[in-house]
Amino acid sequence: IEASQRTGQTAEALRQHAAYLTWLTG
């Protein structure tokens, strides 16, 4: 989130992290 705030891509960073957590659960 800290890195995405500099580029204005907070929503994309959240989506990628959700996908990462989905992979961990799988």
mmCIF file of all heavy atoms, coordinates in Angstrom:
data_MODEL
# 
_entry.id   MODEL 
# 
loop_
_atom_site.group_PDB 
_atom_site.id 
_atom_site.type_symbol 
_atom_site.label_atom_id 
_atom_site.label_alt_id 
_atom_site.label_comp_id 
_atom_site.label_asym_id 
_atom_site.label_entity_id 
_atom_site.label_seq_id 
_atom_site.pdbx_PDB_ins_code 
_atom_site.Cartn_x 
_atom_site.Cartn_y 
_atom_site.Cartn_z 
_atom_site.occupancy 
_atom_site.B_iso_or_equiv 
_atom_site.pdbx_formal_charge 
_atom_site.auth_seq_id 
_atom_site.auth_comp_id 
_atom_site.auth_asym_id 
_atom_site.auth_atom_id 
_atom_site.pdbx_PDB_model_num 
ATOM 1   N N   . ILE A 1 1  ? 0.836  -1.204  0.000   1.00 0.00 ? 1  ILE A N   1 
ATOM 2   C CA  . ILE A 1 1  ? 0.000  0.000   0.000   1.00 0.00 ? 1  ILE A CA  1 
ATOM 3   C C   . ILE A 1 1  ? 0.867  1.249   0.000   1.00 0.00 ? 1  ILE A C   1 
ATOM 4   O O   . ILE A 1 1  ? 0.586  2.238   -0.700  1.00 0.00 ? 1  ILE A O   1 
ATOM 5   C CB  . ILE A 1 1  ? -0.943 -0.019  1.217   1.00 0.00 ? 1  ILE A CB  1 
ATOM 6   C CG1 . ILE A 1 1  ? -1.927 -1.191  1.114   1.00 0.00 ? 1  ILE A CG1 1 
ATOM 7   C CG2 . ILE A 1 1  ? -1.691 1.291   1.336   1.00 0.00 ? 1  ILE A CG2 1 
ATOM 8   C CD1 . ILE A 1 1  ? -2.820 -1.143  -0.096  1.00 0.00 ? 1  ILE A CD1 1 
ATOM 9   N N   . GLU A 1 2  ? 1.956  1.232   0.758   1.00 0.00 ? 2  GLU A N   1 
ATOM 10  C CA  . GLU A 1 2  ? 2.833  2.403   0.823   1.00 0.00 ? 2  GLU A CA  1 
ATOM 11  C C   . GLU A 1 2  ? 3.428  2.724   -0.540  1.00 0.00 ? 2  GLU A C   1 
ATOM 12  O O   . GLU A 1 2  ? 3.532  3.894   -0.932  1.00 0.00 ? 2  GLU A O   1 
ATOM 13  C CB  . GLU A 1 2  ? 3.933  2.156   1.846   1.00 0.00 ? 2  GLU A CB  1 
ATOM 14  C CG  . GLU A 1 2  ? 4.807  3.366   2.118   1.00 0.00 ? 2  GLU A CG  1 
ATOM 15  C CD  . GLU A 1 2  ? 5.796  3.115   3.233   1.00 0.00 ? 2  GLU A CD  1 
ATOM 16  O OE1 . GLU A 1 2  ? 6.014  1.927   3.584   1.00 0.00 ? 2  GLU A OE1 1 
ATOM 17  O OE2 . GLU A 1 2  ? 6.347  4.093   3.756   1.00 0.00 ? 2  GLU A OE2 1 
ATOM 18  N N   . ALA A 1 3  ? 3.829  1.682   -1.283  1.00 0.00 ? 3  ALA A N   1 
ATOM 19  C CA  . ALA A 1 3  ? 4.379  1.915   -2.621  1.00 0.00 ? 3  ALA A CA  1 
ATOM 20  C C   . ALA A 1 3  ? 3.295  2.341   -3.606  1.00 0.00 ? 3  ALA A C   1 
ATOM 21  O O   . ALA A 1 3  ? 3.530  3.205   -4.466  1.00 0.00 ? 3  ALA A O   1 
ATOM 22  C CB  . ALA A 1 3  ? 5.080  0.653   -3.120  1.00 0.00 ? 3  ALA A CB  1 
ATOM 23  N N   . SER A 1 4  ? 2.102  1.766   -3.489  1.00 0.00 ? 4  SER A N   1 
ATOM 24  C CA  . SER A 1 4  ? 1.034  2.091   -4.445  1.00 0.00 ? 4  SER A CA  1 
ATOM 25  C C   . SER A 1 4  ? 0.506  3.505   -4.257  1.00 0.00 ? 4  SER A C   1 
ATOM 26  O O   . SER A 1 4  ? -0.030 4.090   -5.200  1.00 0.00 ? 4  SER A O   1 
ATOM 27  C CB  . SER A 1 4  ? -0.114 1.090   -4.292  1.00 0.00 ? 4  SER A CB  1 
ATOM 28  O OG  . SER A 1 4  ? -0.753 1.235   -3.036  1.00 0.00 ? 4  SER A OG  1 
ATOM 29  N N   . GLN A 1 5  ? 0.647  4.063   -3.048  1.00 0.00 ? 5  GLN A N   1 
ATOM 30  C CA  . GLN A 1 5  ? 0.170  5.423   -2.822  1.00 0.00 ? 5  GLN A CA  1 
ATOM 31  C C   . GLN A 1 5  ? 0.945  6.441   -3.642  1.00 0.00 ? 5  GLN A C   1 
ATOM 32  O O   . GLN A 1 5  ? 0.405  7.486   -4.010  1.00 0.00 ? 5  GLN A O   1 
ATOM 33  C CB  . GLN A 1 5  ? 0.284  5.759   -1.327  1.00 0.00 ? 5  GLN A CB  1 
ATOM 34  C CG  . GLN A 1 5  ? -0.722 5.006   -0.463  1.00 0.00 ? 5  GLN A CG  1 
ATOM 35  C CD  . GLN A 1 5  ? -0.464 5.166   1.019   1.00 0.00 ? 5  GLN A CD  1 
ATOM 36  O OE1 . GLN A 1 5  ? -1.340 4.948   1.834   1.00 0.00 ? 5  GLN A OE1 1 
ATOM 37  N NE2 . GLN A 1 5  ? 0.765  5.518   1.385   1.00 0.00 ? 5  GLN A NE2 1 
ATOM 38  N N   . ARG A 1 6  ? 2.203  6.135   -3.963  1.00 0.00 ? 6  ARG A N   1 
ATOM 39  C CA  . ARG A 1 6  ? 3.002  7.069   -4.761  1.00 0.00 ? 6  ARG A CA  1 
ATOM 40  C C   . ARG A 1 6  ? 2.595  7.061   -6.222  1.00 0.00 ? 6  ARG A C   1 
ATOM 41  O O   . ARG A 1 6  ? 2.845  8.028   -6.935  1.00 0.00 ? 6  ARG A O   1 
ATOM 42  C CB  . ARG A 1 6  ? 4.485  6.719   -4.615  1.00 0.00 ? 6  ARG A CB  1 
ATOM 43  C CG  . ARG A 1 6  ? 5.030  6.915   -3.209  1.00 0.00 ? 6  ARG A CG  1 
ATOM 44  C CD  . ARG A 1 6  ? 6.542  6.825   -3.177  1.00 0.00 ? 6  ARG A CD  1 
ATOM 45  N NE  . ARG A 1 6  ? 7.008  5.476   -3.446  1.00 0.00 ? 6  ARG A NE  1 
ATOM 46  C CZ  . ARG A 1 6  ? 7.277  4.577   -2.506  1.00 0.00 ? 6  ARG A CZ  1 
ATOM 47  N NH1 . ARG A 1 6  ? 7.121  4.891   -1.223  1.00 0.00 ? 6  ARG A NH1 1 
ATOM 48  N NH2 . ARG A 1 6  ? 7.711  3.371   -2.819  1.00 0.00 ? 6  ARG A NH2 1 
ATOM 49  N N   . THR A 1 7  ? 1.988  5.961   -6.661  1.00 0.00 ? 7  THR A N   1 
ATOM 50  C CA  . THR A 1 7  ? 1.583  5.852   -8.069  1.00 0.00 ? 7  THR A CA  1 
ATOM 51  C C   . THR A 1 7  ? 0.082  5.952   -8.261  1.00 0.00 ? 7  THR A C   1 
ATOM 52  O O   . THR A 1 7  ? -0.392 5.916   -9.398  1.00 0.00 ? 7  THR A O   1 
ATOM 53  C CB  . THR A 1 7  ? 2.079  4.518   -8.654  1.00 0.00 ? 7  THR A CB  1 
ATOM 54  O OG1 . THR A 1 7  ? 1.498  3.432   -7.906  1.00 0.00 ? 7  THR A OG1 1 
ATOM 55  C CG2 . THR A 1 7  ? 3.593  4.428   -8.566  1.00 0.00 ? 7  THR A CG2 1 
ATOM 56  N N   . GLY A 1 8  ? -0.675 6.053   -7.184  1.00 0.00 ? 8  GLY A N   1 
ATOM 57  C CA  . GLY A 1 8  ? -2.125 6.125   -7.295  1.00 0.00 ? 8  GLY A CA  1 
ATOM 58  C C   . GLY A 1 8  ? -2.778 4.818   -7.677  1.00 0.00 ? 8  GLY A C   1 
ATOM 59  O O   . GLY A 1 8  ? -3.882 4.823   -8.238  1.00 0.00 ? 8  GLY A O   1 
ATOM 60  N N   . GLN A 1 9  ? -2.129 3.690   -7.375  1.00 0.00 ? 9  GLN A N   1 
ATOM 61  C CA  . GLN A 1 9  ? -2.648 2.367   -7.737  1.00 0.00 ? 9  GLN A CA  1 
ATOM 62  C C   . GLN A 1 9  ? -3.035 1.566   -6.490  1.00 0.00 ? 9  GLN A C   1 
ATOM 63  O O   . GLN A 1 9  ? -2.750 0.376   -6.397  1.00 0.00 ? 9  GLN A O   1 
ATOM 64  C CB  . GLN A 1 9  ? -1.595 1.604   -8.546  1.00 0.00 ? 9  GLN A CB  1 
ATOM 65  C CG  . GLN A 1 9  ? -1.197 2.266   -9.843  1.00 0.00 ? 9  GLN A CG  1 
ATOM 66  C CD  . GLN A 1 9  ? -2.347 2.287   -10.839 1.00 0.00 ? 9  GLN A CD  1 
ATOM 67  O OE1 . GLN A 1 9  ? -3.128 1.340   -10.900 1.00 0.00 ? 9  GLN A OE1 1 
ATOM 68  N NE2 . GLN A 1 9  ? -2.450 3.359   -11.603 1.00 0.00 ? 9  GLN A NE2 1 
ATOM 69  N N   . THR A 1 10 ? -3.674 2.233   -5.541  1.00 0.00 ? 10 THR A N   1 
ATOM 70  C CA  . THR A 1 10 ? -4.030 1.557   -4.301  1.00 0.00 ? 10 THR A CA  1 
ATOM 71  C C   . THR A 1 10 ? -4.994 0.410   -4.547  1.00 0.00 ? 10 THR A C   1 
ATOM 72  O O   . THR A 1 10 ? -4.855 -0.685  -3.973  1.00 0.00 ? 10 THR A O   1 
ATOM 73  C CB  . THR A 1 10 ? -4.638 2.556   -3.307  1.00 0.00 ? 10 THR A CB  1 
ATOM 74  O OG1 . THR A 1 10 ? -3.695 3.612   -3.061  1.00 0.00 ? 10 THR A OG1 1 
ATOM 75  C CG2 . THR A 1 10 ? -4.979 1.885   -1.990  1.00 0.00 ? 10 THR A CG2 1 
ATOM 76  N N   . ALA A 1 11 ? -6.002 0.627   -5.397  1.00 0.00 ? 11 ALA A N   1 
ATOM 77  C CA  . ALA A 1 11 ? -6.982 -0.425  -5.672  1.00 0.00 ? 11 ALA A CA  1 
ATOM 78  C C   . ALA A 1 11 ? -6.313 -1.642  -6.307  1.00 0.00 ? 11 ALA A C   1 
ATOM 79  O O   . ALA A 1 11 ? -6.623 -2.786  -5.959  1.00 0.00 ? 11 ALA A O   1 
ATOM 80  C CB  . ALA A 1 11 ? -8.097 0.109   -6.566  1.00 0.00 ? 11 ALA A CB  1 
ATOM 81  N N   . GLU A 1 12 ? -5.390 -1.406  -7.232  1.00 0.00 ? 12 GLU A N   1 
ATOM 82  C CA  . GLU A 1 12 ? -4.689 -2.522  -7.874  1.00 0.00 ? 12 GLU A CA  1 
ATOM 83  C C   . GLU A 1 12 ? -3.829 -3.279  -6.871  1.00 0.00 ? 12 GLU A C   1 
ATOM 84  O O   . GLU A 1 12 ? -3.768 -4.520  -6.901  1.00 0.00 ? 12 GLU A O   1 
ATOM 85  C CB  . GLU A 1 12 ? -3.821 -1.987  -9.012  1.00 0.00 ? 12 GLU A CB  1 
ATOM 86  C CG  . GLU A 1 12 ? -3.053 -3.054  -9.768  1.00 0.00 ? 12 GLU A CG  1 
ATOM 87  C CD  . GLU A 1 12 ? -3.957 -4.038  -10.471 1.00 0.00 ? 12 GLU A CD  1 
ATOM 88  O OE1 . GLU A 1 12 ? -5.106 -3.676  -10.790 1.00 0.00 ? 12 GLU A OE1 1 
ATOM 89  O OE2 . GLU A 1 12 ? -3.506 -5.181  -10.703 1.00 0.00 ? 12 GLU A OE2 1 
ATOM 90  N N   . ALA A 1 13 ? -3.172 -2.563  -5.975  1.00 0.00 ? 13 ALA A N   1 
ATOM 91  C CA  . ALA A 1 13 ? -2.365 -3.229  -4.947  1.00 0.00 ? 13 ALA A CA  1 
ATOM 92  C C   . ALA A 1 13 ? -3.245 -4.076  -4.031  1.00 0.00 ? 13 ALA A C   1 
ATOM 93  O O   . ALA A 1 13 ? -2.859 -5.179  -3.630  1.00 0.00 ? 13 ALA A O   1 
ATOM 94  C CB  . ALA A 1 13 ? -1.591 -2.192  -4.136  1.00 0.00 ? 13 ALA A CB  1 
ATOM 95  N N   . LEU A 1 14 ? -4.433 -3.582  -3.710  1.00 0.00 ? 14 LEU A N   1 
ATOM 96  C CA  . LEU A 1 14 ? -5.350 -4.358  -2.877  1.00 0.00 ? 14 LEU A CA  1 
ATOM 97  C C   . LEU A 1 14 ? -5.802 -5.622  -3.590  1.00 0.00 ? 14 LEU A C   1 
ATOM 98  O O   . LEU A 1 14 ? -5.885 -6.695  -2.988  1.00 0.00 ? 14 LEU A O   1 
ATOM 99  C CB  . LEU A 1 14 ? -6.555 -3.493  -2.501  1.00 0.00 ? 14 LEU A CB  1 
ATOM 100 C CG  . LEU A 1 14 ? -6.293 -2.363  -1.504  1.00 0.00 ? 14 LEU A CG  1 
ATOM 101 C CD1 . LEU A 1 14 ? -7.483 -1.410  -1.455  1.00 0.00 ? 14 LEU A CD1 1 
ATOM 102 C CD2 . LEU A 1 14 ? -6.012 -2.924  -0.107  1.00 0.00 ? 14 LEU A CD2 1 
ATOM 103 N N   . ARG A 1 15 ? -6.097 -5.517  -4.886  1.00 0.00 ? 15 ARG A N   1 
ATOM 104 C CA  . ARG A 1 15 ? -6.509 -6.693  -5.650  1.00 0.00 ? 15 ARG A CA  1 
ATOM 105 C C   . ARG A 1 15 ? -5.385 -7.728  -5.711  1.00 0.00 ? 15 ARG A C   1 
ATOM 106 O O   . ARG A 1 15 ? -5.618 -8.932  -5.567  1.00 0.00 ? 15 ARG A O   1 
ATOM 107 C CB  . ARG A 1 15 ? -6.932 -6.295  -7.062  1.00 0.00 ? 15 ARG A CB  1 
ATOM 108 C CG  . ARG A 1 15 ? -8.368 -5.824  -7.164  1.00 0.00 ? 15 ARG A CG  1 
ATOM 109 C CD  . ARG A 1 15 ? -8.809 -5.742  -8.609  1.00 0.00 ? 15 ARG A CD  1 
ATOM 110 N NE  . ARG A 1 15 ? -8.006 -4.776  -9.343  1.00 0.00 ? 15 ARG A NE  1 
ATOM 111 C CZ  . ARG A 1 15 ? -8.286 -3.494  -9.434  1.00 0.00 ? 15 ARG A CZ  1 
ATOM 112 N NH1 . ARG A 1 15 ? -9.359 -3.011  -8.833  1.00 0.00 ? 15 ARG A NH1 1 
ATOM 113 N NH2 . ARG A 1 15 ? -7.517 -2.678  -10.136 1.00 0.00 ? 15 ARG A NH2 1 
ATOM 114 N N   . GLN A 1 16 ? -4.161 -7.267  -5.950  1.00 0.00 ? 16 GLN A N   1 
ATOM 115 C CA  . GLN A 1 16 ? -3.038 -8.193  -6.021  1.00 0.00 ? 16 GLN A CA  1 
ATOM 116 C C   . GLN A 1 16 ? -2.797 -8.874  -4.673  1.00 0.00 ? 16 GLN A C   1 
ATOM 117 O O   . GLN A 1 16 ? -2.481 -10.068 -4.630  1.00 0.00 ? 16 GLN A O   1 
ATOM 118 C CB  . GLN A 1 16 ? -1.787 -7.447  -6.478  1.00 0.00 ? 16 GLN A CB  1 
ATOM 119 C CG  . GLN A 1 16 ? -1.827 -6.996  -7.924  1.00 0.00 ? 16 GLN A CG  1 
ATOM 120 C CD  . GLN A 1 16 ? -0.579 -6.237  -8.330  1.00 0.00 ? 16 GLN A CD  1 
ATOM 121 O OE1 . GLN A 1 16 ? 0.282  -5.947  -7.503  1.00 0.00 ? 16 GLN A OE1 1 
ATOM 122 N NE2 . GLN A 1 16 ? -0.475 -5.895  -9.603  1.00 0.00 ? 16 GLN A NE2 1 
ATOM 123 N N   . HIS A 1 17 ? -2.948 -8.127  -3.597  1.00 0.00 ? 17 HIS A N   1 
ATOM 124 C CA  . HIS A 1 17 ? -2.746 -8.748  -2.285  1.00 0.00 ? 17 HIS A CA  1 
ATOM 125 C C   . HIS A 1 17 ? -3.857 -9.746  -1.979  1.00 0.00 ? 17 HIS A C   1 
ATOM 126 O O   . HIS A 1 17 ? -3.601 -10.795 -1.372  1.00 0.00 ? 17 HIS A O   1 
ATOM 127 C CB  . HIS A 1 17 ? -2.696 -7.681  -1.196  1.00 0.00 ? 17 HIS A CB  1 
ATOM 128 C CG  . HIS A 1 17 ? -2.190 -8.186  0.116   1.00 0.00 ? 17 HIS A CG  1 
ATOM 129 N ND1 . HIS A 1 17 ? -0.848 -8.358  0.384   1.00 0.00 ? 17 HIS A ND1 1 
ATOM 130 C CD2 . HIS A 1 17 ? -2.842 -8.604  1.235   1.00 0.00 ? 17 HIS A CD2 1 
ATOM 131 C CE1 . HIS A 1 17 ? -0.690 -8.831  1.591   1.00 0.00 ? 17 HIS A CE1 1 
ATOM 132 N NE2 . HIS A 1 17 ? -1.885 -8.996  2.142   1.00 0.00 ? 17 HIS A NE2 1 
ATOM 133 N N   . ALA A 1 18 ? -5.085 -9.457  -2.392  1.00 0.00 ? 18 ALA A N   1 
ATOM 134 C CA  . ALA A 1 18 ? -6.175 -10.416 -2.209  1.00 0.00 ? 18 ALA A CA  1 
ATOM 135 C C   . ALA A 1 18 ? -5.904 -11.699 -2.993  1.00 0.00 ? 18 ALA A C   1 
ATOM 136 O O   . ALA A 1 18 ? -6.153 -12.806 -2.499  1.00 0.00 ? 18 ALA A O   1 
ATOM 137 C CB  . ALA A 1 18 ? -7.505 -9.792  -2.635  1.00 0.00 ? 18 ALA A CB  1 
ATOM 138 N N   . ALA A 1 19 ? -5.379 -11.553 -4.215  1.00 0.00 ? 19 ALA A N   1 
ATOM 139 C CA  . ALA A 1 19 ? -5.024 -12.736 -5.000  1.00 0.00 ? 19 ALA A CA  1 
ATOM 140 C C   . ALA A 1 19 ? -3.901 -13.522 -4.334  1.00 0.00 ? 19 ALA A C   1 
ATOM 141 O O   . ALA A 1 19 ? -3.895 -14.763 -4.346  1.00 0.00 ? 19 ALA A O   1 
ATOM 142 C CB  . ALA A 1 19 ? -4.622 -12.320 -6.414  1.00 0.00 ? 19 ALA A CB  1 
ATOM 143 N N   . TYR A 1 20 ? -2.950 -12.808 -3.742  1.00 0.00 ? 20 TYR A N   1 
ATOM 144 C CA  . TYR A 1 20 ? -1.852 -13.471 -3.026  1.00 0.00 ? 20 TYR A CA  1 
ATOM 145 C C   . TYR A 1 20 ? -2.382 -14.259 -1.831  1.00 0.00 ? 20 TYR A C   1 
ATOM 146 O O   . TYR A 1 20 ? -1.966 -15.407 -1.597  1.00 0.00 ? 20 TYR A O   1 
ATOM 147 C CB  . TYR A 1 20 ? -0.849 -12.413 -2.574  1.00 0.00 ? 20 TYR A CB  1 
ATOM 148 C CG  . TYR A 1 20 ? 0.233  -12.919 -1.646  1.00 0.00 ? 20 TYR A CG  1 
ATOM 149 C CD1 . TYR A 1 20 ? 1.314  -13.626 -2.150  1.00 0.00 ? 20 TYR A CD1 1 
ATOM 150 C CD2 . TYR A 1 20 ? 0.176  -12.683 -0.274  1.00 0.00 ? 20 TYR A CD2 1 
ATOM 151 C CE1 . TYR A 1 20 ? 2.318  -14.089 -1.298  1.00 0.00 ? 20 TYR A CE1 1 
ATOM 152 C CE2 . TYR A 1 20 ? 1.166  -13.136 0.570   1.00 0.00 ? 20 TYR A CE2 1 
ATOM 153 C CZ  . TYR A 1 20 ? 2.230  -13.833 0.052   1.00 0.00 ? 20 TYR A CZ  1 
ATOM 154 O OH  . TYR A 1 20 ? 3.217  -14.302 0.897   1.00 0.00 ? 20 TYR A OH  1 
ATOM 155 N N   . LEU A 1 21 ? -3.300 -13.690 -1.068  1.00 0.00 ? 21 LEU A N   1 
ATOM 156 C CA  . LEU A 1 21 ? -3.873 -14.397 0.076   1.00 0.00 ? 21 LEU A CA  1 
ATOM 157 C C   . LEU A 1 21 ? -4.705 -15.593 -0.376  1.00 0.00 ? 21 LEU A C   1 
ATOM 158 O O   . LEU A 1 21 ? -4.741 -16.629 0.297   1.00 0.00 ? 21 LEU A O   1 
ATOM 159 C CB  . LEU A 1 21 ? -4.731 -13.439 0.902   1.00 0.00 ? 21 LEU A CB  1 
ATOM 160 C CG  . LEU A 1 21 ? -3.980 -12.296 1.597   1.00 0.00 ? 21 LEU A CG  1 
ATOM 161 C CD1 . LEU A 1 21 ? -4.965 -11.378 2.328   1.00 0.00 ? 21 LEU A CD1 1 
ATOM 162 C CD2 . LEU A 1 21 ? -2.945 -12.836 2.573   1.00 0.00 ? 21 LEU A CD2 1 
ATOM 163 N N   . THR A 1 22 ? -5.372 -15.459 -1.519  1.00 0.00 ? 22 THR A N   1 
ATOM 164 C CA  . THR A 1 22 ? -6.113 -16.594 -2.073  1.00 0.00 ? 22 THR A CA  1 
ATOM 165 C C   . THR A 1 22 ? -5.167 -17.729 -2.423  1.00 0.00 ? 22 THR A C   1 
ATOM 166 O O   . THR A 1 22 ? -5.463 -18.911 -2.184  1.00 0.00 ? 22 THR A O   1 
ATOM 167 C CB  . THR A 1 22 ? -6.904 -16.154 -3.309  1.00 0.00 ? 22 THR A CB  1 
ATOM 168 O OG1 . THR A 1 22 ? -7.806 -15.101 -2.946  1.00 0.00 ? 22 THR A OG1 1 
ATOM 169 C CG2 . THR A 1 22 ? -7.700 -17.314 -3.894  1.00 0.00 ? 22 THR A CG2 1 
ATOM 170 N N   . TRP A 1 23 ? -4.020 -17.384 -2.999  1.00 0.00 ? 23 TRP A N   1 
ATOM 171 C CA  . TRP A 1 23 ? -3.024 -18.418 -3.329  1.00 0.00 ? 23 TRP A CA  1 
ATOM 172 C C   . TRP A 1 23 ? -2.507 -19.094 -2.063  1.00 0.00 ? 23 TRP A C   1 
ATOM 173 O O   . TRP A 1 23 ? -2.357 -20.316 -2.031  1.00 0.00 ? 23 TRP A O   1 
ATOM 174 C CB  . TRP A 1 23 ? -1.870 -17.785 -4.088  1.00 0.00 ? 23 TRP A CB  1 
ATOM 175 C CG  . TRP A 1 23 ? -0.731 -18.731 -4.326  1.00 0.00 ? 23 TRP A CG  1 
ATOM 176 C CD1 . TRP A 1 23 ? -0.639 -19.690 -5.290  1.00 0.00 ? 23 TRP A CD1 1 
ATOM 177 C CD2 . TRP A 1 23 ? 0.477  -18.815 -3.571  1.00 0.00 ? 23 TRP A CD2 1 
ATOM 178 N NE1 . TRP A 1 23 ? 0.547  -20.365 -5.184  1.00 0.00 ? 23 TRP A NE1 1 
ATOM 179 C CE2 . TRP A 1 23 ? 1.258  -19.856 -4.138  1.00 0.00 ? 23 TRP A CE2 1 
ATOM 180 C CE3 . TRP A 1 23 ? 0.985  -18.118 -2.468  1.00 0.00 ? 23 TRP A CE3 1 
ATOM 181 C CZ2 . TRP A 1 23 ? 2.505  -20.204 -3.634  1.00 0.00 ? 23 TRP A CZ2 1 
ATOM 182 C CZ3 . TRP A 1 23 ? 2.223  -18.470 -1.970  1.00 0.00 ? 23 TRP A CZ3 1 
ATOM 183 C CH2 . TRP A 1 23 ? 2.973  -19.500 -2.544  1.00 0.00 ? 23 TRP A CH2 1 
ATOM 184 N N   . LEU A 1 24 ? -2.238 -18.316 -1.013  1.00 0.00 ? 24 LEU A N   1 
ATOM 185 C CA  . LEU A 1 24 ? -1.761 -18.900 0.237   1.00 0.00 ? 24 LEU A CA  1 
ATOM 186 C C   . LEU A 1 24 ? -2.798 -19.858 0.827   1.00 0.00 ? 24 LEU A C   1 
ATOM 187 O O   . LEU A 1 24 ? -2.455 -20.946 1.315   1.00 0.00 ? 24 LEU A O   1 
ATOM 188 C CB  . LEU A 1 24 ? -1.457 -17.797 1.256   1.00 0.00 ? 24 LEU A CB  1 
ATOM 189 C CG  . LEU A 1 24 ? -0.106 -17.096 1.153   1.00 0.00 ? 24 LEU A CG  1 
ATOM 190 C CD1 . LEU A 1 24 ? 0.026  -16.081 2.281   1.00 0.00 ? 24 LEU A CD1 1 
ATOM 191 C CD2 . LEU A 1 24 ? 1.041  -18.080 1.195   1.00 0.00 ? 24 LEU A CD2 1 
ATOM 192 N N   . THR A 1 25 ? -4.059 -19.462 0.769   1.00 0.00 ? 25 THR A N   1 
ATOM 193 C CA  . THR A 1 25 ? -5.115 -20.335 1.286   1.00 0.00 ? 25 THR A CA  1 
ATOM 194 C C   . THR A 1 25 ? -5.193 -21.630 0.486   1.00 0.00 ? 25 THR A C   1 
ATOM 195 O O   . THR A 1 25 ? -5.339 -22.720 1.049   1.00 0.00 ? 25 THR A O   1 
ATOM 196 C CB  . THR A 1 25 ? -6.465 -19.606 1.243   1.00 0.00 ? 25 THR A CB  1 
ATOM 197 O OG1 . THR A 1 25 ? -6.381 -18.399 2.006   1.00 0.00 ? 25 THR A OG1 1 
ATOM 198 C CG2 . THR A 1 25 ? -7.570 -20.473 1.809   1.00 0.00 ? 25 THR A CG2 1 
ATOM 199 N N   . GLY A 1 26 ? -5.089 -21.520 -0.844  1.00 0.00 ? 26 GLY A N   1 
ATOM 200 C CA  . GLY A 1 26 ? -5.096 -22.718 -1.674  1.00 0.00 ? 26 GLY A CA  1 
ATOM 201 C C   . GLY A 1 26 ? -3.912 -23.625 -1.392  1.00 0.00 ? 26 GLY A C   1 
ATOM 202 O O   . GLY A 1 26 ? -4.050 -24.856 -1.370  1.00 0.00 ? 26 GLY A O   1 
# 
